[in-house]
Amino acid sequence: MSEMNQKPLVEIRDLKKYFDINVGMFKTLPLKAVDGVSFDIYRGETVGLVGESGCGKTTVGRTLLHLYTPTSGQIIYDGKEIKTPADIHDFRKKATMVFQDPYSSLNPRMTVSDIIAEPLDIHKMYSSPEERRQKVLELMEHVGLNSEHASRYAHEFSGGQRQRIGIARSLAVNPEFIVCDEPVSALDVSIQAQVINMFGELQDKLGLTYLFIAHDLLVVRHISSRIAVMYLGKIVELTSAAEIYERPLHPYSKALMSAVPMPDPKIARESHRIPLSGDIPSPLHAPSGCPFRTRCAYACERCAMEVPEFREIEKDHFVACHRVEEIN
């Protein structure tokens, strides 16, 4: 990533998150939700994280913010590793999350004002009730909500407005970094564009950095500068948004990109869908070697024996595939 001459804001090194699953009579198996993920996020950029449901995208976001305790690996923020409870407390003033479901992530017993001010209350970030009120009104203005909404309850709002309340809450501590966990997937298509555009405007205005998790590839392309493709707990490809759409190198990325709808009918007719055979294996019983080999048309004996190294194939283009040079 030599073109990024500044230091990364967020560095993730060999991050793992395993959940112990009870499989009968005092026996547990590790469910490897995130299994050795490494990537950087630079200040002011948006990294998109995509993949099928169940691939571990959300777990990456939650483990990164220490909502889940990492099994192993390093999370480094602005040059400092986040390890101790004090580190995590300070980190949460700089890094927040926008959750997927605006219906369940807001407390129905709290007014909009109290929901947005909750992080301010936790971190004691005001000196008087008036300062608290002013901060809440300023945050509401940032996300396009009117001041008269402050005393109402979340159930009185539409899905798009509720997500705006969630975004205002995530901005309350004046963060530098936000994990957006499928923030528009529960919204109507007409509202999605408004919310995505608002994320872009807030990034420009407040200098924010995003990890944007989604399964909708068109949404991710619209907002991301770089995109990481995830499969069964591992990142299989990482490069710029333009590159991954125009020249995906990993067989899984090729199949994903071939399924993206084309607005131009002529291009759509000429493009060929690459079907994937079978279902994603269970992370409880992941295949040996390459996690994608059971669904890959190019799998060979080596793929069953060795986990492919996640390496730089071309400048700023990282892929985890033994045969990537042969098949491209």
C-alpha atoms as a PDB file:
ATOM      1  CA  MET A   1       0.000   0.000   0.000  1.00  0.00           C
ATOM      2  CA  SER A   2       2.833   2.305  -0.861  1.00  0.00           C
ATOM      3  CA  GLU A   3       0.600   4.951  -2.398  1.00  0.00           C
ATOM      4  CA  MET A   4      -0.843   5.538   1.053  1.00  0.00           C
ATOM      5  CA  ASN A   5       2.102   7.522   2.355  1.00  0.00           C
ATOM      6  CA  GLN A   6       0.568   8.311   5.737  1.00  0.00           C
ATOM      7  CA  LYS A   7       0.422   5.939   8.694  1.00  0.00           C
ATOM      8  CA  PRO A   8      -2.753   3.822   8.989  1.00  0.00           C
ATOM      9  CA  LEU A   9      -5.359   5.030  11.509  1.00  0.00           C
ATOM     10  CA  VAL A  10      -6.496   1.436  12.204  1.00  0.00           C
ATOM     11  CA  GLU A  11      -4.246  -1.621  11.878  1.00  0.00           C
ATOM     12  CA  ILE A  12      -5.681  -5.122  12.268  1.00  0.00           C
ATOM     13  CA  ARG A  13      -3.097  -7.894  12.605  1.00  0.00           C
ATOM     14  CA  ASP A  14      -4.044 -11.601  12.451  1.00  0.00           C
ATOM     15  CA  LEU A  15      -7.360 -10.971  14.230  1.00  0.00           C
ATOM     16  CA  LYS A  16      -9.212 -14.075  15.380  1.00  0.00           C
ATOM     17  CA  LYS A  17     -12.566 -14.463  17.102  1.00  0.00           C
ATOM     18  CA  TYR A  18     -13.691 -17.983  17.990  1.00  0.00           C
ATOM     19  CA  PHE A  19     -16.929 -18.852  19.790  1.00  0.00           C
ATOM     20  CA  ASP A  20     -17.119 -22.091  21.794  1.00  0.00           C
ATOM     21  CA  ILE A  21     -20.222 -23.986  20.648  1.00  0.00           C
ATOM     22  CA  ASN A  22     -21.668 -26.765  22.795  1.00  0.00           C
ATOM     23  CA  VAL A  23     -22.052 -29.894  20.634  1.00  0.00           C
ATOM     24  CA  GLY A  24     -23.195 -32.303  23.358  1.00  0.00           C
ATOM     25  CA  MET A  25     -22.057 -33.969  26.609  1.00  0.00           C
ATOM     26  CA  PHE A  26     -19.529 -31.413  27.909  1.00  0.00           C
ATOM     27  CA  LYS A  27     -17.956 -31.118  24.462  1.00  0.00           C
ATOM     28  CA  THR A  28     -17.400 -27.833  22.632  1.00  0.00           C
ATOM     29  CA  LEU A  29     -16.083 -26.959  19.202  1.00  0.00           C
ATOM     30  CA  PRO A  30     -14.612 -23.564  18.204  1.00  0.00           C
ATOM     31  CA  LEU A  31     -16.722 -21.679  15.665  1.00  0.00           C
ATOM     32  CA  LYS A  32     -14.083 -19.681  13.789  1.00  0.00           C
ATOM     33  CA  ALA A  33     -16.111 -16.576  12.936  1.00  0.00           C
ATOM     34  CA  VAL A  34     -12.974 -14.524  12.193  1.00  0.00           C
ATOM     35  CA  ASP A  35      -9.843 -16.518  11.454  1.00  0.00           C
ATOM     36  CA  GLY A  36      -6.646 -14.542  10.949  1.00  0.00           C
ATOM     37  CA  VAL A  37      -7.785 -11.269   9.348  1.00  0.00           C
ATOM     38  CA  SER A  38      -5.251  -8.487   8.639  1.00  0.00           C
ATOM     39  CA  PHE A  39      -5.784  -5.120   6.941  1.00  0.00           C
ATOM     40  CA  ASP A  40      -5.247  -1.371   7.449  1.00  0.00           C
ATOM     41  CA  ILE A  41      -7.624   1.577   7.286  1.00  0.00           C
ATOM     42  CA  TYR A  42      -6.188   5.000   6.501  1.00  0.00           C
ATOM     43  CA  ARG A  43      -7.420   8.278   7.924  1.00  0.00           C
ATOM     44  CA  GLY A  44     -10.284   9.779   5.907  1.00  0.00           C
ATOM     45  CA  GLU A  45     -10.958   6.711   3.741  1.00  0.00           C
ATOM     46  CA  THR A  46     -13.823   4.212   3.615  1.00  0.00           C
ATOM     47  CA  VAL A  47     -12.971   0.517   3.466  1.00  0.00           C
ATOM     48  CA  GLY A  48     -15.898  -1.658   2.366  1.00  0.00           C
ATOM     49  CA  LEU A  49     -16.155  -5.205   3.766  1.00  0.00           C
ATOM     50  CA  VAL A  50     -18.321  -7.534   1.658  1.00  0.00           C
ATOM     51  CA  GLY A  51     -19.254 -11.210   1.501  1.00  0.00           C
ATOM     52  CA  GLU A  52     -22.170 -13.597   1.840  1.00  0.00           C
ATOM     53  CA  SER A  53     -24.220 -13.768   5.055  1.00  0.00           C
ATOM     54  CA  GLY A  54     -22.387 -15.673   7.765  1.00  0.00           C
ATOM     55  CA  CYS A  55     -18.887 -14.961   6.452  1.00  0.00           C
ATOM     56  CA  GLY A  56     -17.853 -13.037   9.598  1.00  0.00           C
ATOM     57  CA  LYS A  57     -18.183  -9.400   8.445  1.00  0.00           C
ATOM     58  CA  THR A  58     -20.177  -8.190  11.449  1.00  0.00           C
ATOM     59  CA  THR A  59     -17.935 -10.117  13.858  1.00  0.00           C
ATOM     60  CA  VAL A  60     -14.893  -8.280  12.430  1.00  0.00           C
ATOM     61  CA  GLY A  61     -16.583  -4.927  13.142  1.00  0.00           C
ATOM     62  CA  ARG A  62     -17.694  -5.837  16.649  1.00  0.00           C
ATOM     63  CA  THR A  63     -14.378  -7.434  17.598  1.00  0.00           C
ATOM     64  CA  LEU A  64     -12.506  -4.429  16.226  1.00  0.00           C
ATOM     65  CA  LEU A  65     -14.441  -2.203  18.663  1.00  0.00           C
ATOM     66  CA  HIS A  66     -14.014  -4.747  21.492  1.00  0.00           C
ATOM     67  CA  LEU A  67     -17.757  -5.381  21.708  1.00  0.00           C
ATOM     68  CA  TYR A  68     -16.503  -8.972  21.395  1.00  0.00           C
ATOM     69  CA  THR A  69     -13.223  -9.844  23.112  1.00  0.00           C
ATOM     70  CA  PRO A  70     -10.695 -10.924  20.454  1.00  0.00           C
ATOM     71  CA  THR A  71      -9.487 -14.539  20.741  1.00  0.00           C
ATOM     72  CA  SER A  72      -6.068 -13.379  19.493  1.00  0.00           C
ATOM     73  CA  GLY A  73      -4.439 -10.799  17.253  1.00  0.00           C
ATOM     74  CA  GLN A  74      -3.726  -7.084  17.501  1.00  0.00           C
ATOM     75  CA  ILE A  75      -5.913  -4.008  17.040  1.00  0.00           C
ATOM     76  CA  ILE A  76      -3.779  -0.879  16.741  1.00  0.00           C
ATOM     77  CA  TYR A  77      -5.410   2.560  16.672  1.00  0.00           C
ATOM     78  CA  ASP A  78      -3.343   5.612  15.710  1.00  0.00           C
ATOM     79  CA  GLY A  79      -0.116   3.741  16.501  1.00  0.00           C
ATOM     80  CA  LYS A  80      -1.242   2.378  19.901  1.00  0.00           C
ATOM     81  CA  GLU A  81      -2.349  -1.201  20.539  1.00  0.00           C
ATOM     82  CA  ILE A  82      -5.748  -1.496  22.253  1.00  0.00           C
ATOM     83  CA  LYS A  83      -5.307  -4.013  25.083  1.00  0.00           C
ATOM     84  CA  THR A  84      -6.235  -2.853  28.588  1.00  0.00           C
ATOM     85  CA  PRO A  85      -9.691  -1.768  29.875  1.00  0.00           C
ATOM     86  CA  ALA A  86      -8.340   1.822  30.016  1.00  0.00           C
ATOM     87  CA  ASP A  87      -7.250   1.577  26.355  1.00  0.00           C
ATOM     88  CA  ILE A  88     -10.715   0.307  25.374  1.00  0.00           C
ATOM     89  CA  HIS A  89     -12.445   3.108  27.324  1.00  0.00           C
ATOM     90  CA  ASP A  90     -10.361   5.783  25.571  1.00  0.00           C
ATOM     91  CA  PHE A  91     -10.755   4.034  22.198  1.00  0.00           C
ATOM     92  CA  ARG A  92     -14.558   4.185  22.484  1.00  0.00           C
ATOM     93  CA  LYS A  93     -14.384   7.978  22.605  1.00  0.00           C
ATOM     94  CA  LYS A  94     -12.745   7.897  19.176  1.00  0.00           C
ATOM     95  CA  ALA A  95     -14.454   4.906  17.546  1.00  0.00           C
ATOM     96  CA  THR A  96     -18.180   4.126  17.446  1.00  0.00           C
ATOM     97  CA  MET A  97     -20.657   1.945  15.566  1.00  0.00           C
ATOM     98  CA  VAL A  98     -23.833   2.380  13.532  1.00  0.00           C
ATOM     99  CA  PHE A  99     -25.902  -0.789  13.881  1.00  0.00           C
ATOM    100  CA  GLN A 100     -27.801  -2.649  11.198  1.00  0.00           C
ATOM    101  CA  ASP A 101     -31.329  -2.584  12.544  1.00  0.00           C
ATOM    102  CA  PRO A 102     -32.699   0.866  13.435  1.00  0.00           C
ATOM    103  CA  TYR A 103     -35.755  -0.851  14.957  1.00  0.00           C
ATOM    104  CA  SER A 104     -33.964  -2.886  17.641  1.00  0.00           C
ATOM    105  CA  SER A 105     -30.874  -0.742  18.299  1.00  0.00           C
ATOM    106  CA  LEU A 106     -32.832   2.170  19.841  1.00  0.00           C
ATOM    107  CA  ASN A 107     -34.359   1.993  23.338  1.00  0.00           C
ATOM    108  CA  PRO A 108     -38.165   2.423  22.961  1.00  0.00           C
ATOM    109  CA  ARG A 109     -38.439   3.865  26.501  1.00  0.00           C
ATOM    110  CA  MET A 110     -36.049   6.747  25.818  1.00  0.00           C
ATOM    111  CA  THR A 111     -36.746  10.004  24.013  1.00  0.00           C
ATOM    112  CA  VAL A 112     -34.696  10.849  20.916  1.00  0.00           C
ATOM    113  CA  SER A 113     -32.801  13.424  22.986  1.00  0.00           C
ATOM    114  CA  ASP A 114     -31.813  10.836  25.619  1.00  0.00           C
ATOM    115  CA  ILE A 115     -30.853   8.224  22.984  1.00  0.00           C
ATOM    116  CA  ILE A 116     -28.506  10.653  21.226  1.00  0.00           C
ATOM    117  CA  ALA A 117     -27.093  11.954  24.526  1.00  0.00           C
ATOM    118  CA  GLU A 118     -26.400   8.487  25.981  1.00  0.00           C
ATOM    119  CA  PRO A 119     -22.684   8.469  24.929  1.00  0.00           C
ATOM    120  CA  LEU A 120     -22.352  12.028  26.294  1.00  0.00           C
ATOM    121  CA  ASP A 121     -23.773  10.814  29.632  1.00  0.00           C
ATOM    122  CA  ILE A 122     -21.476   7.762  29.752  1.00  0.00           C
ATOM    123  CA  HIS A 123     -18.317   9.768  29.031  1.00  0.00           C
ATOM    124  CA  LYS A 124     -19.495  12.886  30.996  1.00  0.00           C
ATOM    125  CA  MET A 125     -18.886  15.151  28.017  1.00  0.00           C
ATOM    126  CA  TYR A 126     -20.873  18.226  29.127  1.00  0.00           C
ATOM    127  CA  SER A 127     -20.812  20.603  32.102  1.00  0.00           C
ATOM    128  CA  SER A 128     -24.489  21.577  32.301  1.00  0.00           C
ATOM    129  CA  PRO A 129     -27.952  20.401  31.145  1.00  0.00           C
ATOM    130  CA  GLU A 130     -28.025  23.317  28.689  1.00  0.00           C
ATOM    131  CA  GLU A 131     -24.711  22.280  27.101  1.00  0.00           C
ATOM    132  CA  ARG A 132     -26.075  18.721  26.784  1.00  0.00           C
ATOM    133  CA  ARG A 133     -29.233  20.014  25.094  1.00  0.00           C
ATOM    134  CA  GLN A 134     -27.247  22.187  22.678  1.00  0.00           C
ATOM    135  CA  LYS A 135     -24.982  19.278  21.706  1.00  0.00           C
ATOM    136  CA  VAL A 136     -28.008  17.055  21.041  1.00  0.00           C
ATOM    137  CA  LEU A 137     -29.645  19.716  18.835  1.00  0.00           C
ATOM    138  CA  GLU A 138     -26.382  20.198  16.923  1.00  0.00           C
ATOM    139  CA  LEU A 139     -26.098  16.424  16.315  1.00  0.00           C
ATOM    140  CA  MET A 140     -29.717  16.278  15.139  1.00  0.00           C
ATOM    141  CA  GLU A 141     -29.031  19.094  12.685  1.00  0.00           C
ATOM    142  CA  HIS A 142     -25.984  17.169  11.345  1.00  0.00           C
ATOM    143  CA  VAL A 143     -28.200  14.228  10.347  1.00  0.00           C
ATOM    144  CA  GLY A 144     -31.207  16.207   9.069  1.00  0.00           C
ATOM    145  CA  LEU A 145     -33.587  15.883  12.052  1.00  0.00           C
ATOM    146  CA  ASN A 146     -35.651  18.808  13.358  1.00  0.00           C
ATOM    147  CA  SER A 147     -35.289  20.102  16.908  1.00  0.00           C
ATOM    148  CA  GLU A 148     -38.958  19.333  17.668  1.00  0.00           C
ATOM    149  CA  HIS A 149     -38.154  15.623  17.220  1.00  0.00           C
ATOM    150  CA  ALA A 150     -36.016  15.683  20.402  1.00  0.00           C
ATOM    151  CA  SER A 151     -38.841  14.953  22.853  1.00  0.00           C
ATOM    152  CA  ARG A 152     -40.457  12.191  20.789  1.00  0.00           C
ATOM    153  CA  TYR A 153     -39.866   8.419  20.973  1.00  0.00           C
ATOM    154  CA  ALA A 154     -38.185   6.185  18.410  1.00  0.00           C
ATOM    155  CA  HIS A 155     -41.369   4.241  17.513  1.00  0.00           C
ATOM    156  CA  GLU A 156     -42.895   7.470  16.154  1.00  0.00           C
ATOM    157  CA  PHE A 157     -40.333   7.604  13.328  1.00  0.00           C
ATOM    158  CA  SER A 158     -39.845   5.840  10.003  1.00  0.00           C
ATOM    159  CA  GLY A 159     -36.927   3.445   9.434  1.00  0.00           C
ATOM    160  CA  GLY A 160     -34.823   6.080   7.686  1.00  0.00           C
ATOM    161  CA  GLN A 161     -35.386   8.603  10.489  1.00  0.00           C
ATOM    162  CA  ARG A 162     -34.538   5.986  13.111  1.00  0.00           C
ATOM    163  CA  GLN A 163     -31.272   5.231  11.368  1.00  0.00           C
ATOM    164  CA  ARG A 164     -30.524   8.978  11.382  1.00  0.00           C
ATOM    165  CA  ILE A 165     -31.082   8.936  15.170  1.00  0.00           C
ATOM    166  CA  GLY A 166     -28.613   6.016  15.429  1.00  0.00           C
ATOM    167  CA  ILE A 167     -26.076   7.907  13.309  1.00  0.00           C
ATOM    168  CA  ALA A 168     -26.475  11.040  15.471  1.00  0.00           C
ATOM    169  CA  ARG A 169     -25.842   8.884  18.562  1.00  0.00           C
ATOM    170  CA  SER A 170     -22.674   7.459  16.962  1.00  0.00           C
ATOM    171  CA  LEU A 171     -21.429  11.027  16.308  1.00  0.00           C
ATOM    172  CA  ALA A 172     -22.047  12.219  19.892  1.00  0.00           C
ATOM    173  CA  VAL A 173     -18.513  11.596  21.181  1.00  0.00           C
ATOM    174  CA  ASN A 174     -17.027  13.373  18.142  1.00  0.00           C
ATOM    175  CA  PRO A 175     -15.400  10.164  16.848  1.00  0.00           C
ATOM    176  CA  GLU A 176     -12.718   9.830  14.178  1.00  0.00           C
ATOM    177  CA  PHE A 177     -13.627   6.273  13.155  1.00  0.00           C
ATOM    178  CA  ILE A 178     -17.044   4.628  12.663  1.00  0.00           C
ATOM    179  CA  VAL A 179     -17.890   0.991  11.958  1.00  0.00           C
ATOM    180  CA  CYS A 180     -21.059   0.954   9.833  1.00  0.00           C
ATOM    181  CA  ASP A 181     -22.629  -2.507  10.143  1.00  0.00           C
ATOM    182  CA  GLU A 182     -25.004  -2.916   7.168  1.00  0.00           C
ATOM    183  CA  PRO A 183     -26.500   0.502   8.047  1.00  0.00           C
ATOM    184  CA  VAL A 184     -28.928   0.651   5.095  1.00  0.00           C
ATOM    185  CA  SER A 185     -29.902  -3.013   4.598  1.00  0.00           C
ATOM    186  CA  ALA A 186     -33.112  -2.660   6.669  1.00  0.00           C
ATOM    187  CA  LEU A 187     -34.230   0.488   4.804  1.00  0.00           C
ATOM    188  CA  ASP A 188     -36.339   0.988   1.678  1.00  0.00           C
ATOM    189  CA  VAL A 189     -34.284   1.429  -1.491  1.00  0.00           C
ATOM    190  CA  SER A 190     -35.489   5.041  -1.885  1.00  0.00           C
ATOM    191  CA  ILE A 191     -34.197   5.879   1.615  1.00  0.00           C
ATOM    192  CA  GLN A 192     -30.910   3.983   1.205  1.00  0.00           C
ATOM    193  CA  ALA A 193     -29.492   6.528  -1.253  1.00  0.00           C
ATOM    194  CA  GLN A 194     -30.299   9.434   1.099  1.00  0.00           C
ATOM    195  CA  VAL A 195     -28.553   7.759   4.044  1.00  0.00           C
ATOM    196  CA  ILE A 196     -25.517   6.736   1.938  1.00  0.00           C
ATOM    197  CA  ASN A 197     -25.172  10.308   0.644  1.00  0.00           C
ATOM    198  CA  MET A 198     -25.413  11.568   4.224  1.00  0.00           C
ATOM    199  CA  PHE A 199     -22.521   9.285   5.246  1.00  0.00           C
ATOM    200  CA  GLY A 200     -20.449  10.866   2.447  1.00  0.00           C
ATOM    201  CA  GLU A 201     -21.372  14.409   3.495  1.00  0.00           C
ATOM    202  CA  LEU A 202     -20.563  13.706   7.157  1.00  0.00           C
ATOM    203  CA  GLN A 203     -17.204  12.229   6.138  1.00  0.00           C
ATOM    204  CA  ASP A 204     -16.314  15.398   4.209  1.00  0.00           C
ATOM    205  CA  LYS A 205     -17.578  17.734   6.931  1.00  0.00           C
ATOM    206  CA  LEU A 206     -16.194  15.943  10.010  1.00  0.00           C
ATOM    207  CA  GLY A 207     -13.163  14.137   8.545  1.00  0.00           C
ATOM    208  CA  LEU A 208     -14.497  10.671   9.425  1.00  0.00           C
ATOM    209  CA  THR A 209     -12.982   7.277   8.605  1.00  0.00           C
ATOM    210  CA  TYR A 210     -15.329   4.337   7.972  1.00  0.00           C
ATOM    211  CA  LEU A 211     -15.309   0.561   7.919  1.00  0.00           C
ATOM    212  CA  PHE A 212     -18.467  -0.019   5.864  1.00  0.00           C
ATOM    213  CA  ILE A 213     -19.868  -3.566   6.187  1.00  0.00           C
ATOM    214  CA  ALA A 214     -22.496  -4.620   3.636  1.00  0.00           C
ATOM    215  CA  HIS A 215     -23.645  -7.425   1.374  1.00  0.00           C
ATOM    216  CA  ASP A 216     -25.054  -5.065  -1.285  1.00  0.00           C
ATOM    217  CA  LEU A 217     -22.144  -4.633  -3.680  1.00  0.00           C
ATOM    218  CA  LEU A 218     -23.580  -1.560  -5.424  1.00  0.00           C
ATOM    219  CA  VAL A 219     -23.935   0.275  -2.102  1.00  0.00           C
ATOM    220  CA  VAL A 220     -20.351  -0.566  -1.141  1.00  0.00           C
ATOM    221  CA  ARG A 221     -19.001   0.537  -4.512  1.00  0.00           C
ATOM    222  CA  HIS A 222     -20.730   3.901  -4.185  1.00  0.00           C
ATOM    223  CA  ILE A 223     -19.151   4.795  -0.839  1.00  0.00           C
ATOM    224  CA  SER A 224     -15.840   2.866  -0.565  1.00  0.00           C
ATOM    225  CA  SER A 225     -12.329   3.806  -1.635  1.00  0.00           C
ATOM    226  CA  ARG A 226     -11.072   0.229  -1.087  1.00  0.00           C
ATOM    227  CA  ILE A 227     -12.981  -3.052  -0.742  1.00  0.00           C
ATOM    228  CA  ALA A 228     -12.116  -6.242   1.152  1.00  0.00           C
ATOM    229  CA  VAL A 229     -13.907  -9.459   0.150  1.00  0.00           C
ATOM    230  CA  MET A 230     -14.482 -11.937   2.982  1.00  0.00           C
ATOM    231  CA  TYR A 231     -15.251 -15.662   2.877  1.00  0.00           C
ATOM    232  CA  LEU A 232     -15.678 -18.027   5.836  1.00  0.00           C
ATOM    233  CA  GLY A 233     -13.796 -15.915   8.363  1.00  0.00           C
ATOM    234  CA  LYS A 234     -10.930 -14.882   6.061  1.00  0.00           C
ATOM    235  CA  ILE A 235     -10.260 -11.964   3.711  1.00  0.00           C
ATOM    236  CA  VAL A 236      -9.616 -13.375   0.231  1.00  0.00           C
ATOM    237  CA  GLU A 237      -9.075 -10.139  -1.726  1.00  0.00           C
ATOM    238  CA  LEU A 238      -8.411  -6.457  -0.976  1.00  0.00           C
ATOM    239  CA  THR A 239      -7.892  -3.635  -3.464  1.00  0.00           C
ATOM    240  CA  SER A 240      -9.405  -0.348  -4.674  1.00  0.00           C
ATOM    241  CA  ALA A 241     -13.144  -0.233  -5.360  1.00  0.00           C
ATOM    242  CA  ALA A 242     -12.589   0.421  -9.081  1.00  0.00           C
ATOM    243  CA  GLU A 243     -10.106  -2.449  -9.408  1.00  0.00           C
ATOM    244  CA  ILE A 244     -12.262  -5.053  -7.679  1.00  0.00           C
ATOM    245  CA  TYR A 245     -15.208  -4.311  -9.967  1.00  0.00           C
ATOM    246  CA  GLU A 246     -13.184  -4.142 -13.158  1.00  0.00           C
ATOM    247  CA  ARG A 247     -10.575  -6.860 -12.478  1.00  0.00           C
ATOM    248  CA  PRO A 248     -11.356  -9.189  -9.573  1.00  0.00           C
ATOM    249  CA  LEU A 249      -8.620 -11.837  -9.284  1.00  0.00           C
ATOM    250  CA  HIS A 250      -9.922 -14.302  -6.676  1.00  0.00           C
ATOM    251  CA  PRO A 251     -12.449 -16.908  -7.977  1.00  0.00           C
ATOM    252  CA  TYR A 252     -14.901 -15.973  -5.203  1.00  0.00           C
ATOM    253  CA  SER A 253     -14.637 -12.245  -5.980  1.00  0.00           C
ATOM    254  CA  LYS A 254     -15.209 -13.005  -9.681  1.00  0.00           C
ATOM    255  CA  ALA A 255     -18.436 -14.874  -8.845  1.00  0.00           C
ATOM    256  CA  LEU A 256     -19.638 -12.091  -6.527  1.00  0.00           C
ATOM    257  CA  MET A 257     -18.950  -9.331  -9.054  1.00  0.00           C
ATOM    258  CA  SER A 258     -20.607 -11.270 -11.878  1.00  0.00           C
ATOM    259  CA  ALA A 259     -23.853 -11.147  -9.874  1.00  0.00           C
ATOM    260  CA  VAL A 260     -23.910  -7.324  -9.606  1.00  0.00           C
ATOM    261  CA  PRO A 261     -26.779  -5.908 -11.730  1.00  0.00           C
ATOM    262  CA  MET A 262     -25.606  -3.769 -14.673  1.00  0.00           C
ATOM    263  CA  PRO A 263     -27.604  -0.588 -15.399  1.00  0.00           C
ATOM    264  CA  ASP A 264     -26.648  -0.745 -19.108  1.00  0.00           C
ATOM    265  CA  PRO A 265     -28.728  -3.479 -20.861  1.00  0.00           C
ATOM    266  CA  LYS A 266     -26.075  -3.984 -23.575  1.00  0.00           C
ATOM    267  CA  ILE A 267     -23.305  -4.616 -21.015  1.00  0.00           C
ATOM    268  CA  ALA A 268     -25.685  -6.787 -18.978  1.00  0.00           C
ATOM    269  CA  ARG A 269     -26.384  -9.028 -22.015  1.00  0.00           C
ATOM    270  CA  GLU A 270     -22.671  -9.445 -22.724  1.00  0.00           C
ATOM    271  CA  SER A 271     -21.677 -10.207 -19.141  1.00  0.00           C
ATOM    272  CA  HIS A 272     -21.632 -13.808 -17.930  1.00  0.00           C
ATOM    273  CA  ARG A 273     -22.866 -14.843 -14.506  1.00  0.00           C
ATOM    274  CA  ILE A 274     -20.442 -17.181 -12.704  1.00  0.00           C
ATOM    275  CA  PRO A 275     -22.569 -19.588 -10.636  1.00  0.00           C
ATOM    276  CA  LEU A 276     -21.255 -20.913  -7.329  1.00  0.00           C
ATOM    277  CA  SER A 277     -21.912 -24.585  -6.617  1.00  0.00           C
ATOM    278  CA  GLY A 278     -23.036 -25.717  -3.166  1.00  0.00           C
ATOM    279  CA  ASP A 279     -23.500 -23.763   0.047  1.00  0.00           C
ATOM    280  CA  ILE A 280     -21.028 -22.057   2.356  1.00  0.00           C
ATOM    281  CA  PRO A 281     -19.574 -24.737   4.669  1.00  0.00           C
ATOM    282  CA  SER A 282     -20.263 -24.344   8.383  1.00  0.00           C
ATOM    283  CA  PRO A 283     -17.516 -22.416  10.204  1.00  0.00           C
ATOM    284  CA  LEU A 284     -17.733 -25.213  12.804  1.00  0.00           C
ATOM    285  CA  HIS A 285     -16.480 -27.694  10.183  1.00  0.00           C
ATOM    286  CA  ALA A 286     -14.485 -25.486   7.812  1.00  0.00           C
ATOM    287  CA  PRO A 287     -12.597 -27.234   4.982  1.00  0.00           C
ATOM    288  CA  SER A 288      -8.867 -27.836   5.376  1.00  0.00           C
ATOM    289  CA  GLY A 289      -6.532 -25.609   3.400  1.00  0.00           C
ATOM    290  CA  CYS A 290      -8.274 -22.919   1.355  1.00  0.00           C
ATOM    291  CA  PRO A 291     -11.744 -22.190   2.795  1.00  0.00           C
ATOM    292  CA  PHE A 292     -13.182 -21.645  -0.715  1.00  0.00           C
ATOM    293  CA  ARG A 293     -11.872 -24.874  -2.279  1.00  0.00           C
ATOM    294  CA  THR A 294     -15.147 -26.854  -1.900  1.00  0.00           C
ATOM    295  CA  ARG A 295     -16.893 -24.382  -4.243  1.00  0.00           C
ATOM    296  CA  CYS A 296     -13.989 -23.427  -6.501  1.00  0.00           C
ATOM    297  CA  ALA A 297     -13.676 -24.609 -10.114  1.00  0.00           C
ATOM    298  CA  TYR A 298      -9.872 -24.214  -9.933  1.00  0.00           C
ATOM    299  CA  ALA A 299      -9.242 -26.179  -6.700  1.00  0.00           C
ATOM    300  CA  CYS A 300      -6.296 -28.613  -6.772  1.00  0.00           C
ATOM    301  CA  GLU A 301      -4.596 -30.912  -4.295  1.00  0.00           C
ATOM    302  CA  ARG A 302      -2.475 -28.116  -2.849  1.00  0.00           C
ATOM    303  CA  CYS A 303      -5.646 -26.146  -2.026  1.00  0.00           C
ATOM    304  CA  ALA A 304      -6.729 -28.925   0.353  1.00  0.00           C
ATOM    305  CA  MET A 305      -3.310 -29.093   2.021  1.00  0.00           C
ATOM    306  CA  GLU A 306      -2.271 -25.455   2.535  1.00  0.00           C
ATOM    307  CA  VAL A 307      -4.037 -22.267   3.558  1.00  0.00           C
ATOM    308  CA  PRO A 308      -3.143 -19.728   0.820  1.00  0.00           C
ATOM    309  CA  GLU A 309      -1.092 -16.743   1.925  1.00  0.00           C
ATOM    310  CA  PHE A 310      -2.795 -13.344   1.725  1.00  0.00           C
ATOM    311  CA  ARG A 311      -0.207 -11.571  -0.444  1.00  0.00           C
ATOM    312  CA  GLU A 312       0.305  -8.557  -2.695  1.00  0.00           C
ATOM    313  CA  ILE A 313      -0.123  -9.850  -6.277  1.00  0.00           C
ATOM    314  CA  GLU A 314       0.083  -6.419  -7.891  1.00  0.00           C
ATOM    315  CA  LYS A 315       0.599  -2.972  -6.414  1.00  0.00           C
ATOM    316  CA  ASP A 316      -1.998  -2.485  -3.642  1.00  0.00           C
ATOM    317  CA  HIS A 317      -3.897  -5.605  -4.776  1.00  0.00           C
ATOM    318  CA  PHE A 318      -3.887  -8.415  -2.189  1.00  0.00           C
ATOM    319  CA  VAL A 319      -5.258 -11.919  -2.856  1.00  0.00           C
ATOM    320  CA  ALA A 320      -5.288 -15.239  -0.964  1.00  0.00           C
ATOM    321  CA  CYS A 321      -5.187 -17.885  -3.715  1.00  0.00           C
ATOM    322  CA  HIS A 322      -2.541 -20.489  -4.668  1.00  0.00           C
ATOM    323  CA  ARG A 323      -3.386 -20.343  -8.384  1.00  0.00           C
ATOM    324  CA  VAL A 324      -4.170 -16.650  -8.847  1.00  0.00           C
ATOM    325  CA  GLU A 325      -1.408 -16.082 -11.440  1.00  0.00           C
ATOM    326  CA  GLU A 326      -2.504 -19.125 -13.488  1.00  0.00           C
ATOM    327  CA  ILE A 327      -6.203 -18.275 -13.679  1.00  0.00           C
ATOM    328  CA  ASN A 328      -5.877 -14.569 -14.527  1.00  0.00           C
END
